[in-house]
Structure formats: structure tokens, C-alpha cells
């Protein structure tokens, strides 16, 4: 929780929030024999290094985030980002049967303005796990 207008600079597990403009890199695209260049977001973190850095983290009890709401597709939701690279999450992702969706609001202090349902991992507050 942010108190006294404190600015968050990391999720404490290795993903450092950057100014959004610094994350954009030019990329060329082709369409109908034409090329054009757009600035696109580039993720700059190595997930394997983050998993390795968090191998000693206590195992997450996903039952605390279990979703039993009728009609909801997510298996687990509202999991804080500090658990994203937990060994339990890694084991689930290694099966290939699950996918992660990041959730969170805009981070105006970083110039990141986005819908809370389309958040990038770098700026997310929580995440949800869905079956594939």
C-alpha cells in the first residue's frame, strides 16, 4: 500500500519500474509491401534470472487466492506481484496449462496510463492465473 504519496520503484522481486517513455523502442513493421516504424514497449527483464533469484522464497499457498465465484474463469486472482516468481507459480507455468494476466491501474509517476485490465507486468500490482 502506498502511503504519504510514496513512489514505488520496484516490486521487491527484481522488476524495476521505469519511465514508460524509456521502455519504448522503434520497431519496423511491413504491410502491403510498405514498411513503417512504430515505438513499441520492450520488456527488459530476464524471467529466468528472476525465477533463480526467488528460489528461496517460501512456497506460496494458492488457496489464499482461490477463486470459487460462479461464472468466473480465473482459477486464482488478486495474487500480489511479489509472488510472481515464486517456485509454486514457476511450477504451474512450466506445465503449459496456465496463463497469467496482469492487473493494475495506471502509474502516472512513470508516465504509464493504461486500462487496469491490460497492464504490463512491469507496472502490475497483482496477477491472475487462468487455465489455457
Protein backbone atom coordinates (compact mmCIF):
# COMPACT_ATOMS: atom_id res chain seq x y z
CA UNK A 1 0.00 0.00 0.00
CA UNK A 2 1.32 3.44 -0.89
CA UNK A 3 1.30 5.87 1.98
CA UNK A 4 2.23 9.55 2.07
CA UNK A 5 2.47 9.68 -1.76
CA UNK A 6 5.46 7.33 -1.69
CA UNK A 7 6.65 6.36 -5.17
CA UNK A 8 7.11 2.65 -5.78
CA UNK A 9 10.34 1.89 -7.62
CA UNK A 10 10.31 -1.91 -7.54
CA UNK A 11 8.06 -4.80 -6.67
CA UNK A 12 10.93 -6.09 -4.44
CA UNK A 13 11.43 -9.17 -6.61
CA UNK A 14 13.61 -7.70 -9.34
CA UNK A 15 11.30 -5.91 -11.79
CA UNK A 16 12.14 -2.24 -11.58
CA UNK A 17 9.54 0.17 -12.88
CA UNK A 18 10.97 2.50 -15.50
CA UNK A 19 9.68 5.69 -17.03
CA UNK A 20 7.32 4.40 -19.73
CA UNK A 21 8.92 6.55 -22.44
CA UNK A 22 12.26 4.83 -21.71
CA UNK A 23 10.68 1.41 -22.40
CA UNK A 24 9.68 2.29 -25.97
CA UNK A 25 11.98 1.26 -28.82
CA UNK A 26 11.49 1.76 -32.56
CA UNK A 27 10.45 -1.35 -34.49
CA UNK A 28 9.86 -1.67 -38.23
CA UNK A 29 6.71 -3.40 -39.49
CA UNK A 30 5.73 -4.39 -43.02
CA UNK A 31 2.25 -4.35 -44.54
CA UNK A 32 1.18 -4.45 -48.22
CA UNK A 33 4.77 -4.04 -49.47
CA UNK A 34 5.26 -0.99 -47.25
CA UNK A 35 7.24 -0.62 -44.08
CA UNK A 36 6.65 1.74 -41.23
CA UNK A 37 8.24 2.27 -37.84
CA UNK A 38 6.44 2.42 -34.50
CA UNK A 39 7.66 2.80 -30.96
CA UNK A 40 6.73 -0.34 -29.02
CA UNK A 41 7.22 -1.49 -25.42
CA UNK A 42 10.26 -3.67 -24.80
CA UNK A 43 10.41 -5.87 -21.71
CA UNK A 44 13.94 -5.62 -20.31
CA UNK A 45 13.91 -8.26 -17.57
CA UNK A 46 15.12 -11.84 -17.77
CA UNK A 47 12.42 -14.08 -16.25
CA UNK A 48 14.85 -16.96 -15.72
CA UNK A 49 17.11 -14.74 -13.62
CA UNK A 50 14.09 -13.57 -11.62
CA UNK A 51 12.98 -17.17 -11.00
CA UNK A 52 16.50 -18.07 -9.86
CA UNK A 53 16.69 -15.04 -7.57
CA UNK A 54 13.44 -16.13 -5.89
CA UNK A 55 14.11 -19.87 -5.45
CA UNK A 56 14.48 -19.43 -1.68
CA UNK A 57 11.14 -17.65 -1.35
CA UNK A 58 8.68 -19.56 0.90
CA UNK A 59 6.23 -21.60 -1.15
CA UNK A 60 3.05 -19.70 -1.89
CA UNK A 61 -0.24 -21.15 -0.65
CA UNK A 62 -2.51 -20.54 -3.62
CA UNK A 63 -5.59 -21.48 -1.60
CA UNK A 64 -5.44 -17.95 -0.16
CA UNK A 65 -6.15 -16.64 -3.68
CA UNK A 66 -8.58 -19.36 -4.78
CA UNK A 67 -11.46 -18.11 -6.87
CA UNK A 68 -14.70 -20.00 -6.36
CA UNK A 69 -17.04 -17.34 -7.74
CA UNK A 70 -19.57 -18.96 -10.11
CA UNK A 71 -19.05 -17.93 -13.72
CA UNK A 72 -15.50 -16.68 -13.17
CA UNK A 73 -12.84 -18.23 -15.38
CA UNK A 74 -9.75 -17.32 -13.32
CA UNK A 75 -8.52 -20.09 -11.04
CA UNK A 76 -6.61 -17.73 -8.76
CA UNK A 77 -6.75 -13.95 -8.70
CA UNK A 78 -5.51 -10.99 -6.69
CA UNK A 79 -2.05 -12.51 -6.19
CA UNK A 80 0.44 -9.71 -5.35
CA UNK A 81 3.30 -9.23 -7.82
CA UNK A 82 5.86 -10.04 -5.11
CA UNK A 83 4.82 -13.69 -5.62
CA UNK A 84 5.10 -13.68 -9.44
CA UNK A 85 8.42 -15.53 -9.45
CA UNK A 86 7.58 -17.88 -6.57
CA UNK A 87 8.56 -21.54 -7.13
CA UNK A 88 4.88 -22.61 -6.98
CA UNK A 89 3.98 -20.21 -9.82
CA UNK A 90 7.00 -21.34 -11.83
CA UNK A 91 5.96 -25.00 -11.50
CA UNK A 92 2.46 -24.15 -12.72
CA UNK A 93 3.76 -22.19 -15.71
CA UNK A 94 6.18 -25.00 -16.66
CA UNK A 95 3.22 -27.34 -17.29
CA UNK A 96 1.95 -25.10 -20.11
CA UNK A 97 -1.62 -25.50 -18.85
CA UNK A 98 -1.97 -21.99 -17.37
CA UNK A 99 -1.54 -18.38 -18.38
CA UNK A 100 -1.07 -15.21 -16.39
CA UNK A 101 -2.91 -11.92 -16.77
CA UNK A 102 -1.54 -8.86 -15.04
CA UNK A 103 -3.81 -6.40 -13.27
CA UNK A 104 -3.29 -2.88 -12.00
CA UNK A 105 -4.01 0.73 -12.64
CA UNK A 106 -2.05 3.48 -14.31
CA UNK A 107 1.24 4.66 -12.84
CA UNK A 108 1.26 8.38 -13.69
CA UNK A 109 4.55 8.91 -11.84
CA UNK A 110 6.14 6.75 -14.57
CA UNK A 111 4.07 8.14 -17.44
CA UNK A 112 2.19 4.85 -17.77
CA UNK A 113 -1.53 5.29 -18.44
CA UNK A 114 -3.43 2.12 -19.25
CA UNK A 115 -6.65 0.25 -18.58
CA UNK A 116 -6.36 -1.86 -15.43
CA UNK A 117 -7.27 -4.92 -17.48
CA UNK A 118 -4.38 -4.50 -19.94
CA UNK A 119 -1.47 -3.83 -17.62
CA UNK A 120 2.13 -4.72 -18.47
CA UNK A 121 4.00 -6.93 -15.99
CA UNK A 122 6.39 -4.13 -15.12
CA UNK A 123 3.56 -1.90 -13.88
CA UNK A 124 1.17 -4.51 -12.45
CA UNK A 125 0.00 -4.62 -8.83
CA UNK A 126 -1.49 -8.12 -8.92
CA UNK A 127 -1.94 -11.00 -11.34
CA UNK A 128 -4.46 -13.77 -12.01
CA UNK A 129 -3.94 -17.33 -13.23
CA UNK A 130 -6.24 -18.76 -15.91
CA UNK A 131 -6.42 -22.22 -17.49
CA UNK A 132 -5.31 -22.37 -21.13
